[in-house]
Amino acid sequence: MQHVEVGPDGARTGYVEIPGDGTPFVLLHGLGAASAPYYAATVASPALAGRHAFLVDLLGFGTSDRPLAFGYSLAEQADAVARALDALGLAAVDLVAHSMSGGIAVILADRRPDLVARLVLVEPSLRPTPRPGVDGLTEDEFVRTGFTRRLEAAGPQWAATMRLADPVAQYRAERALGDMPVLDDVLYGLPMPVHVIEGGLSGWLAGDEALAGAGIGVTVVPETTHVLMLEAPAAFAAAVADALPLP
C-alpha cells in the first residue's frame, strides 16, 4: 500500500498500484468500502490481467487518512481524487467508479476532463437518496452509537470494509448522498466516452432511456446485485474490459 498527499493538512490517500501495460485505469470504491478488497479479483481476472491499474481509497475510508477538516461531500472527494492523480503524474486515465464514487467520478470528469479519457460507472449514485442510517442523528450521536448500529445492519460483507471507515467520514458522506445535486445533466454533457455497468437483479438504472439517448452504453451483469464485482468478479471484469478495450 502506498500513499500520496492530497490535503487538507497533509492528508494522504492510500492506493495500490498494479504495474502493467496500456492506459492506466483507476478504480474507486463506494460508500463504506475500500478499493483493494472490492477490486482485487477484478484486476487479477484474465480479462484485465497485465493492465496498469490503481486501486484508490477515498479520504476517510480504507487505508486513507481521515482529516476532520474535510467535509466528505462528493465534490470535495472529486477534488481530492484530482489532486491524487496530479500528484501521481496521471492524466487521461480510464476511470472505473462504483456507487457513491460514480457521482464523484462524474463531478471529477466534468471539472477536470483532462484527467479522464474514458469513464465506466458501476451502479452510480446520480441523484439524492434517503439515508435512514443517519436521518435524525447528529454527527456526535452517530459517532457515539449510530456507527455501531450501521455496522450491525450492514451485513458481514459490507461491514468488513465499513469498519475501517472513520465514523465522521461515514456520517458526512451519507449526509452528502442525501443532499447531493442531481447529476444526470452533468453526466449527459461529459465530453469523454461513458459506459454504465449494473447488476441484473438490482434495477439500479432500469428503464433509464436517457442513457441511450446520450450515447451511453449499458452492460447488465446477470444474476448480480449492487456489489456485482464481489458476486461475479470474472463477469464484472469482462464487462469492464469490453467497455475499456485496449487500443
C-alpha atoms as a PDB file:
ATOM      1  CA  MET A   1       0.000   0.000   0.000  1.00  0.00           C
ATOM      2  CA  GLN A   2       1.283   3.440  -0.943  1.00  0.00           C
ATOM      3  CA  HIS A   3       0.082   6.941  -0.093  1.00  0.00           C
ATOM      4  CA  VAL A   4       0.015  10.304  -1.833  1.00  0.00           C
ATOM      5  CA  GLU A   5      -0.663  13.668  -0.180  1.00  0.00           C
ATOM      6  CA  VAL A   6      -3.907  15.353  -1.216  1.00  0.00           C
ATOM      7  CA  GLY A   7      -4.660  17.658   1.763  1.00  0.00           C
ATOM      8  CA  PRO A   8      -6.107  19.207   3.801  1.00  0.00           C
ATOM      9  CA  ASP A   9      -3.380  19.428   6.437  1.00  0.00           C
ATOM     10  CA  GLY A  10      -1.213  16.903   4.636  1.00  0.00           C
ATOM     11  CA  ALA A  11      -3.916  14.210   4.480  1.00  0.00           C
ATOM     12  CA  ARG A  12      -2.907  11.242   2.335  1.00  0.00           C
ATOM     13  CA  THR A  13      -4.858   8.984   0.019  1.00  0.00           C
ATOM     14  CA  GLY A  14      -3.973   5.294   0.042  1.00  0.00           C
ATOM     15  CA  TYR A  15      -3.647   3.344  -3.170  1.00  0.00           C
ATOM     16  CA  VAL A  16      -2.343   0.107  -4.637  1.00  0.00           C
ATOM     17  CA  GLU A  17      -0.585   0.242  -7.990  1.00  0.00           C
ATOM     18  CA  ILE A  18      -0.650  -2.815 -10.237  1.00  0.00           C
ATOM     19  CA  PRO A  19       2.130  -2.448 -12.842  1.00  0.00           C
ATOM     20  CA  GLY A  20       1.141  -3.266 -16.382  1.00  0.00           C
ATOM     21  CA  ASP A  21       0.621  -2.050 -19.902  1.00  0.00           C
ATOM     22  CA  GLY A  22      -1.786   0.259 -21.664  1.00  0.00           C
ATOM     23  CA  THR A  23      -3.692   3.288 -20.462  1.00  0.00           C
ATOM     24  CA  PRO A  24      -3.741   3.295 -16.647  1.00  0.00           C
ATOM     25  CA  PHE A  25      -7.142   2.617 -15.186  1.00  0.00           C
ATOM     26  CA  VAL A  26      -8.148   3.915 -11.777  1.00  0.00           C
ATOM     27  CA  LEU A  27     -10.759   2.167  -9.637  1.00  0.00           C
ATOM     28  CA  LEU A  28     -12.782   3.964  -6.957  1.00  0.00           C
ATOM     29  CA  HIS A  29     -14.937   2.241  -4.325  1.00  0.00           C
ATOM     30  CA  GLY A  30     -18.355   3.094  -2.947  1.00  0.00           C
ATOM     31  CA  LEU A  31     -19.617   4.194   0.459  1.00  0.00           C
ATOM     32  CA  GLY A  32     -18.097   2.364   3.414  1.00  0.00           C
ATOM     33  CA  ALA A  33     -15.884   0.283   1.169  1.00  0.00           C
ATOM     34  CA  ALA A  34     -12.216   0.102   0.146  1.00  0.00           C
ATOM     35  CA  SER A  35     -10.800  -0.461  -3.304  1.00  0.00           C
ATOM     36  CA  ALA A  36      -8.408  -3.367  -2.750  1.00  0.00           C
ATOM     37  CA  PRO A  37     -10.970  -5.758  -1.188  1.00  0.00           C
ATOM     38  CA  TYR A  38     -13.607  -4.824  -3.758  1.00  0.00           C
ATOM     39  CA  TYR A  39     -11.443  -4.876  -6.876  1.00  0.00           C
ATOM     40  CA  ALA A  40      -8.625  -7.361  -6.210  1.00  0.00           C
ATOM     41  CA  ALA A  41     -10.374 -10.147  -8.118  1.00  0.00           C
ATOM     42  CA  THR A  42     -11.247  -7.719 -10.906  1.00  0.00           C
ATOM     43  CA  VAL A  43      -7.691  -6.676 -11.702  1.00  0.00           C
ATOM     44  CA  ALA A  44      -6.454 -10.274 -11.339  1.00  0.00           C
ATOM     45  CA  SER A  45      -9.039 -11.603 -13.786  1.00  0.00           C
ATOM     46  CA  PRO A  46      -7.730 -12.834 -17.166  1.00  0.00           C
ATOM     47  CA  ALA A  47      -9.876 -10.192 -18.872  1.00  0.00           C
ATOM     48  CA  LEU A  48      -7.834  -7.395 -17.274  1.00  0.00           C
ATOM     49  CA  ALA A  49      -4.599  -9.102 -16.240  1.00  0.00           C
ATOM     50  CA  GLY A  50      -1.473  -7.270 -17.339  1.00  0.00           C
ATOM     51  CA  ARG A  51      -3.097  -3.843 -17.435  1.00  0.00           C
ATOM     52  CA  HIS A  52      -1.786  -0.917 -15.420  1.00  0.00           C
ATOM     53  CA  ALA A  53      -4.187  -0.235 -12.544  1.00  0.00           C
ATOM     54  CA  PHE A  54      -4.512   1.979  -9.487  1.00  0.00           C
ATOM     55  CA  LEU A  55      -6.890   0.940  -6.687  1.00  0.00           C
ATOM     56  CA  VAL A  56      -7.576   4.166  -4.802  1.00  0.00           C
ATOM     57  CA  ASP A  57      -9.197   4.654  -1.387  1.00  0.00           C
ATOM     58  CA  LEU A  58     -11.222   7.811  -0.811  1.00  0.00           C
ATOM     59  CA  LEU A  59     -10.314  10.036   2.117  1.00  0.00           C
ATOM     60  CA  GLY A  60     -11.949   8.730   5.282  1.00  0.00           C
ATOM     61  CA  PHE A  61     -12.157   5.143   4.026  1.00  0.00           C
ATOM     62  CA  GLY A  62      -9.944   2.098   3.683  1.00  0.00           C
ATOM     63  CA  THR A  63      -6.275   2.965   4.130  1.00  0.00           C
ATOM     64  CA  SER A  64      -6.619   6.699   3.518  1.00  0.00           C
ATOM     65  CA  ASP A  65      -6.301   9.389   6.173  1.00  0.00           C
ATOM     66  CA  ARG A  66      -9.351  10.783   7.988  1.00  0.00           C
ATOM     67  CA  PRO A  67      -8.987  14.586   8.098  1.00  0.00           C
ATOM     68  CA  LEU A  68     -11.540  16.142  10.440  1.00  0.00           C
ATOM     69  CA  ALA A  69     -11.450  19.412   8.484  1.00  0.00           C
ATOM     70  CA  PHE A  70     -12.680  17.610   5.351  1.00  0.00           C
ATOM     71  CA  GLY A  71     -16.392  17.749   4.534  1.00  0.00           C
ATOM     72  CA  TYR A  72     -16.608  14.410   2.642  1.00  0.00           C
ATOM     73  CA  SER A  73     -19.032  15.745   0.054  1.00  0.00           C
ATOM     74  CA  LEU A  74     -18.914  14.268  -3.438  1.00  0.00           C
ATOM     75  CA  ALA A  75     -17.403  17.473  -4.820  1.00  0.00           C
ATOM     76  CA  GLU A  76     -14.684  17.558  -2.160  1.00  0.00           C
ATOM     77  CA  GLN A  77     -13.846  13.914  -2.807  1.00  0.00           C
ATOM     78  CA  ALA A  78     -13.688  14.626  -6.546  1.00  0.00           C
ATOM     79  CA  ASP A  79     -11.180  17.400  -5.924  1.00  0.00           C
ATOM     80  CA  ALA A  80      -9.122  15.121  -3.658  1.00  0.00           C
ATOM     81  CA  VAL A  81      -9.020  12.393  -6.318  1.00  0.00           C
ATOM     82  CA  ALA A  82      -7.936  15.009  -8.860  1.00  0.00           C
ATOM     83  CA  ARG A  83      -5.095  16.057  -6.566  1.00  0.00           C
ATOM     84  CA  ALA A  84      -4.083  12.414  -6.158  1.00  0.00           C
ATOM     85  CA  LEU A  85      -3.971  11.869  -9.922  1.00  0.00           C
ATOM     86  CA  ASP A  86      -1.998  15.080 -10.387  1.00  0.00           C
ATOM     87  CA  ALA A  87       0.479  14.057  -7.682  1.00  0.00           C
ATOM     88  CA  LEU A  88       0.916  10.645  -9.321  1.00  0.00           C
ATOM     89  CA  GLY A  89       1.527  12.256 -12.694  1.00  0.00           C
ATOM     90  CA  LEU A  90      -1.551  10.623 -14.204  1.00  0.00           C
ATOM     91  CA  ALA A  91      -3.749  12.127 -16.902  1.00  0.00           C
ATOM     92  CA  ALA A  92      -6.272  10.814 -19.418  1.00  0.00           C
ATOM     93  CA  VAL A  93      -6.877   7.689 -17.327  1.00  0.00           C
ATOM     94  CA  ASP A  94      -9.675   5.170 -17.666  1.00  0.00           C
ATOM     95  CA  LEU A  95     -11.784   5.697 -14.548  1.00  0.00           C
ATOM     96  CA  VAL A  96     -13.972   2.962 -13.033  1.00  0.00           C
ATOM     97  CA  ALA A  97     -16.214   4.121 -10.182  1.00  0.00           C
ATOM     98  CA  HIS A  98     -18.816   2.294  -8.091  1.00  0.00           C
ATOM     99  CA  SER A  99     -21.926   3.648  -6.375  1.00  0.00           C
ATOM    100  CA  MET A 100     -21.072   6.827  -4.421  1.00  0.00           C
ATOM    101  CA  SER A 101     -17.852   7.141  -6.396  1.00  0.00           C
ATOM    102  CA  GLY A 102     -19.918   7.158  -9.564  1.00  0.00           C
ATOM    103  CA  GLY A 103     -21.199  10.586  -8.579  1.00  0.00           C
ATOM    104  CA  ILE A 104     -17.706  11.609  -7.522  1.00  0.00           C
ATOM    105  CA  ALA A 105     -16.341  10.484 -10.886  1.00  0.00           C
ATOM    106  CA  VAL A 106     -18.982  12.427 -12.846  1.00  0.00           C
ATOM    107  CA  ILE A 107     -18.054  15.606 -10.967  1.00  0.00           C
ATOM    108  CA  LEU A 108     -14.352  14.913 -11.475  1.00  0.00           C
ATOM    109  CA  ALA A 109     -14.768  14.264 -15.200  1.00  0.00           C
ATOM    110  CA  ASP A 110     -16.790  17.459 -15.573  1.00  0.00           C
ATOM    111  CA  ARG A 111     -14.313  19.630 -13.665  1.00  0.00           C
ATOM    112  CA  ARG A 112     -11.119  18.021 -14.942  1.00  0.00           C
ATOM    113  CA  PRO A 113     -11.780  16.359 -18.307  1.00  0.00           C
ATOM    114  CA  ASP A 114      -8.027  16.287 -18.881  1.00  0.00           C
ATOM    115  CA  LEU A 115      -7.761  13.581 -16.233  1.00  0.00           C
ATOM    116  CA  VAL A 116     -10.361  11.177 -17.658  1.00  0.00           C
ATOM    117  CA  ALA A 117     -10.143   9.579 -21.100  1.00  0.00           C
ATOM    118  CA  ARG A 118     -12.967   7.068 -20.608  1.00  0.00           C
ATOM    119  CA  LEU A 119     -15.424   6.625 -17.757  1.00  0.00           C
ATOM    120  CA  VAL A 120     -17.086   3.440 -16.513  1.00  0.00           C
ATOM    121  CA  LEU A 121     -19.806   3.945 -13.906  1.00  0.00           C
ATOM    122  CA  VAL A 122     -20.891   0.929 -11.876  1.00  0.00           C
ATOM    123  CA  GLU A 123     -24.378   1.444 -10.420  1.00  0.00           C
ATOM    124  CA  PRO A 124     -23.563   5.143  -9.941  1.00  0.00           C
ATOM    125  CA  SER A 125     -25.126   7.499  -7.417  1.00  0.00           C
ATOM    126  CA  LEU A 126     -26.522  10.267  -9.607  1.00  0.00           C
ATOM    127  CA  ARG A 127     -29.461  11.528  -7.522  1.00  0.00           C
ATOM    128  CA  PRO A 128     -30.130  12.146  -3.826  1.00  0.00           C
ATOM    129  CA  THR A 129     -31.428   9.130  -1.921  1.00  0.00           C
ATOM    130  CA  PRO A 130     -32.893   8.684   1.593  1.00  0.00           C
ATOM    131  CA  ARG A 131     -30.260   7.858   4.216  1.00  0.00           C
ATOM    132  CA  PRO A 132     -32.038   6.044   7.068  1.00  0.00           C
ATOM    133  CA  GLY A 133     -28.716   5.207   8.718  1.00  0.00           C
ATOM    134  CA  VAL A 134     -28.091   8.854   9.603  1.00  0.00           C
ATOM    135  CA  ASP A 135     -31.508  10.524   9.420  1.00  0.00           C
ATOM    136  CA  GLY A 136     -32.490  12.036  12.750  1.00  0.00           C
ATOM    137  CA  LEU A 137     -28.977  11.736  14.174  1.00  0.00           C
ATOM    138  CA  THR A 138     -26.450  14.448  14.851  1.00  0.00           C
ATOM    139  CA  GLU A 139     -22.846  13.754  13.933  1.00  0.00           C
ATOM    140  CA  ASP A 140     -21.934  13.228  17.595  1.00  0.00           C
ATOM    141  CA  GLU A 141     -24.826  10.795  18.101  1.00  0.00           C
ATOM    142  CA  PHE A 142     -23.796   8.818  15.035  1.00  0.00           C
ATOM    143  CA  VAL A 143     -20.190   8.625  16.211  1.00  0.00           C
ATOM    144  CA  ARG A 144     -21.214   7.515  19.713  1.00  0.00           C
ATOM    145  CA  THR A 145     -23.830   4.899  18.856  1.00  0.00           C
ATOM    146  CA  GLY A 146     -25.122   5.177  15.292  1.00  0.00           C
ATOM    147  CA  PHE A 147     -21.999   3.879  13.584  1.00  0.00           C
ATOM    148  CA  THR A 148     -22.112   0.649  15.590  1.00  0.00           C
ATOM    149  CA  ARG A 149     -25.762   0.140  14.621  1.00  0.00           C
ATOM    150  CA  ARG A 150     -24.861   0.920  10.997  1.00  0.00           C
ATOM    151  CA  LEU A 151     -22.224  -1.808  11.038  1.00  0.00           C
ATOM    152  CA  GLU A 152     -24.656  -4.311  12.541  1.00  0.00           C
ATOM    153  CA  ALA A 153     -27.244  -3.541   9.857  1.00  0.00           C
ATOM    154  CA  ALA A 154     -24.743  -3.656   7.001  1.00  0.00           C
ATOM    155  CA  GLY A 155     -24.184  -7.405   6.976  1.00  0.00           C
ATOM    156  CA  PRO A 156     -20.807  -9.150   7.150  1.00  0.00           C
ATOM    157  CA  GLN A 157     -19.602  -8.381   3.623  1.00  0.00           C
ATOM    158  CA  TRP A 158     -20.115  -4.632   3.728  1.00  0.00           C
ATOM    159  CA  ALA A 159     -19.212  -4.359   7.420  1.00  0.00           C
ATOM    160  CA  ALA A 160     -15.814  -5.936   6.720  1.00  0.00           C
ATOM    161  CA  THR A 161     -14.725  -2.726   4.985  1.00  0.00           C
ATOM    162  CA  MET A 162     -17.071  -0.269   6.664  1.00  0.00           C
ATOM    163  CA  ARG A 163     -15.395  -0.991   9.994  1.00  0.00           C
ATOM    164  CA  LEU A 164     -12.246   0.589   8.508  1.00  0.00           C
ATOM    165  CA  ALA A 165     -14.115   3.819   7.777  1.00  0.00           C
ATOM    166  CA  ASP A 166     -13.906   6.821  10.023  1.00  0.00           C
ATOM    167  CA  PRO A 167     -17.341   7.282  11.653  1.00  0.00           C
ATOM    168  CA  VAL A 168     -17.257  11.022  10.946  1.00  0.00           C
ATOM    169  CA  ALA A 169     -16.455  10.341   7.290  1.00  0.00           C
ATOM    170  CA  GLN A 170     -19.244   7.757   7.074  1.00  0.00           C
ATOM    171  CA  TYR A 171     -21.760  10.174   8.566  1.00  0.00           C
ATOM    172  CA  ARG A 172     -20.786  13.128   6.405  1.00  0.00           C
ATOM    173  CA  ALA A 173     -20.653  11.003   3.261  1.00  0.00           C
ATOM    174  CA  GLU A 174     -24.122   9.585   3.915  1.00  0.00           C
ATOM    175  CA  ARG A 175     -25.457  13.076   4.552  1.00  0.00           C
ATOM    176  CA  ALA A 176     -23.845  14.204   1.301  1.00  0.00           C
ATOM    177  CA  LEU A 177     -25.556  11.397  -0.615  1.00  0.00           C
ATOM    178  CA  GLY A 178     -28.893  12.509   0.781  1.00  0.00           C
ATOM    179  CA  ASP A 179     -28.304  16.131  -0.171  1.00  0.00           C
ATOM    180  CA  MET A 180     -26.349  15.700  -3.419  1.00  0.00           C
ATOM    181  CA  PRO A 181     -27.396  17.512  -6.599  1.00  0.00           C
ATOM    182  CA  VAL A 182     -28.991  15.612  -9.465  1.00  0.00           C
ATOM    183  CA  LEU A 183     -26.105  14.791 -11.797  1.00  0.00           C
ATOM    184  CA  ASP A 184     -27.983  13.474 -14.835  1.00  0.00           C
ATOM    185  CA  ASP A 185     -27.426  16.559 -16.973  1.00  0.00           C
ATOM    186  CA  VAL A 186     -23.764  16.735 -15.965  1.00  0.00           C
ATOM    187  CA  LEU A 187     -23.344  13.093 -16.944  1.00  0.00           C
ATOM    188  CA  TYR A 188     -25.045  13.548 -20.315  1.00  0.00           C
ATOM    189  CA  GLY A 189     -22.818  16.524 -21.098  1.00  0.00           C
ATOM    190  CA  LEU A 190     -19.465  14.855 -20.445  1.00  0.00           C
ATOM    191  CA  PRO A 191     -17.091  15.009 -23.422  1.00  0.00           C
ATOM    192  CA  MET A 192     -15.486  11.589 -22.962  1.00  0.00           C
ATOM    193  CA  PRO A 193     -16.958   8.121 -23.685  1.00  0.00           C
ATOM    194  CA  VAL A 194     -19.073   6.850 -20.786  1.00  0.00           C
ATOM    195  CA  HIS A 195     -20.305   3.316 -20.105  1.00  0.00           C
ATOM    196  CA  VAL A 196     -22.583   2.114 -17.292  1.00  0.00           C
ATOM    197  CA  ILE A 197     -22.481  -1.355 -15.722  1.00  0.00           C
ATOM    198  CA  GLU A 198     -25.290  -2.573 -13.487  1.00  0.00           C
ATOM    199  CA  GLY A 199     -26.383  -5.734 -11.752  1.00  0.00           C
ATOM    200  CA  GLY A 200     -29.198  -7.628 -13.392  1.00  0.00           C
ATOM    201  CA  LEU A 201     -31.103  -8.028 -10.128  1.00  0.00           C
ATOM    202  CA  SER A 202     -30.677  -4.519  -8.764  1.00  0.00           C
ATOM    203  CA  GLY A 203     -32.764  -2.417 -11.148  1.00  0.00           C
ATOM    204  CA  TRP A 204     -30.420   0.452 -10.332  1.00  0.00           C
ATOM    205  CA  LEU A 205     -30.988   2.378 -13.566  1.00  0.00           C
ATOM    206  CA  ALA A 206     -33.647   0.174 -15.101  1.00  0.00           C
ATOM    207  CA  GLY A 207     -35.649   1.851 -17.833  1.00  0.00           C
ATOM    208  CA  ASP A 208     -33.414   4.907 -17.973  1.00  0.00           C
ATOM    209  CA  GLU A 209     -33.794   5.593 -21.683  1.00  0.00           C
ATOM    210  CA  ALA A 210     -31.937   8.885 -21.332  1.00  0.00           C
ATOM    211  CA  LEU A 211     -28.671   6.963 -21.058  1.00  0.00           C
ATOM    212  CA  ALA A 212     -29.080   5.535 -24.534  1.00  0.00           C
ATOM    213  CA  GLY A 213     -30.234   8.899 -25.806  1.00  0.00           C
ATOM    214  CA  ALA A 214     -26.983  10.420 -24.562  1.00  0.00           C
ATOM    215  CA  GLY A 215     -24.937   7.743 -26.306  1.00  0.00           C
ATOM    216  CA  ILE A 216     -24.044   5.976 -23.063  1.00  0.00           C
ATOM    217  CA  GLY A 217     -23.727   2.214 -23.355  1.00  0.00           C
ATOM    218  CA  VAL A 218     -25.122  -0.045 -20.640  1.00  0.00           C
ATOM    219  CA  THR A 219     -23.948  -3.533 -19.710  1.00  0.00           C
ATOM    220  CA  VAL A 220     -26.053  -5.673 -17.384  1.00  0.00           C
ATOM    221  CA  VAL A 221     -24.256  -8.427 -15.468  1.00  0.00           C
ATOM    222  CA  PRO A 222     -26.883 -11.162 -14.956  1.00  0.00           C
ATOM    223  CA  GLU A 223     -27.809 -12.546 -11.549  1.00  0.00           C
ATOM    224  CA  THR A 224     -25.971  -9.848  -9.592  1.00  0.00           C
ATOM    225  CA  THR A 225     -26.981  -7.016  -7.292  1.00  0.00           C
ATOM    226  CA  HIS A 226     -25.265  -3.783  -6.265  1.00  0.00           C
ATOM    227  CA  VAL A 227     -21.902  -5.332  -5.374  1.00  0.00           C
ATOM    228  CA  LEU A 228     -21.505  -7.202  -8.653  1.00  0.00           C
ATOM    229  CA  MET A 229     -17.698  -7.053  -8.553  1.00  0.00           C
ATOM    230  CA  LEU A 230     -17.838  -9.271  -5.456  1.00  0.00           C
ATOM    231  CA  GLU A 231     -20.659 -11.522  -6.617  1.00  0.00           C
ATOM    232  CA  ALA A 232     -19.373 -12.241 -10.129  1.00  0.00           C
ATOM    233  CA  PRO A 233     -15.800 -10.945 -10.409  1.00  0.00           C
ATOM    234  CA  ALA A 234     -14.996 -12.646 -13.721  1.00  0.00           C
ATOM    235  CA  ALA A 235     -18.176 -11.408 -15.408  1.00  0.00           C
ATOM    236  CA  PHE A 236     -17.660  -7.943 -13.973  1.00  0.00           C
ATOM    237  CA  ALA A 237     -14.046  -7.838 -15.173  1.00  0.00           C
ATOM    238  CA  ALA A 238     -15.175  -8.930 -18.634  1.00  0.00           C
ATOM    239  CA  ALA A 239     -17.734  -6.110 -18.688  1.00  0.00           C
ATOM    240  CA  VAL A 240     -15.057  -3.585 -17.719  1.00  0.00           C
ATOM    241  CA  ALA A 241     -12.672  -4.961 -20.357  1.00  0.00           C
ATOM    242  CA  ASP A 242     -15.390  -4.713 -23.015  1.00  0.00           C
ATOM    243  CA  ALA A 243     -16.078  -1.111 -22.006  1.00  0.00           C
ATOM    244  CA  LEU A 244     -12.364  -0.253 -21.991  1.00  0.00           C
ATOM    245  CA  PRO A 245     -10.840  -2.149 -24.913  1.00  0.00           C
ATOM    246  CA  LEU A 246      -7.109  -1.870 -25.431  1.00  0.00           C
ATOM    247  CA  PRO A 247      -6.125   0.336 -28.386  1.00  0.00           C
END
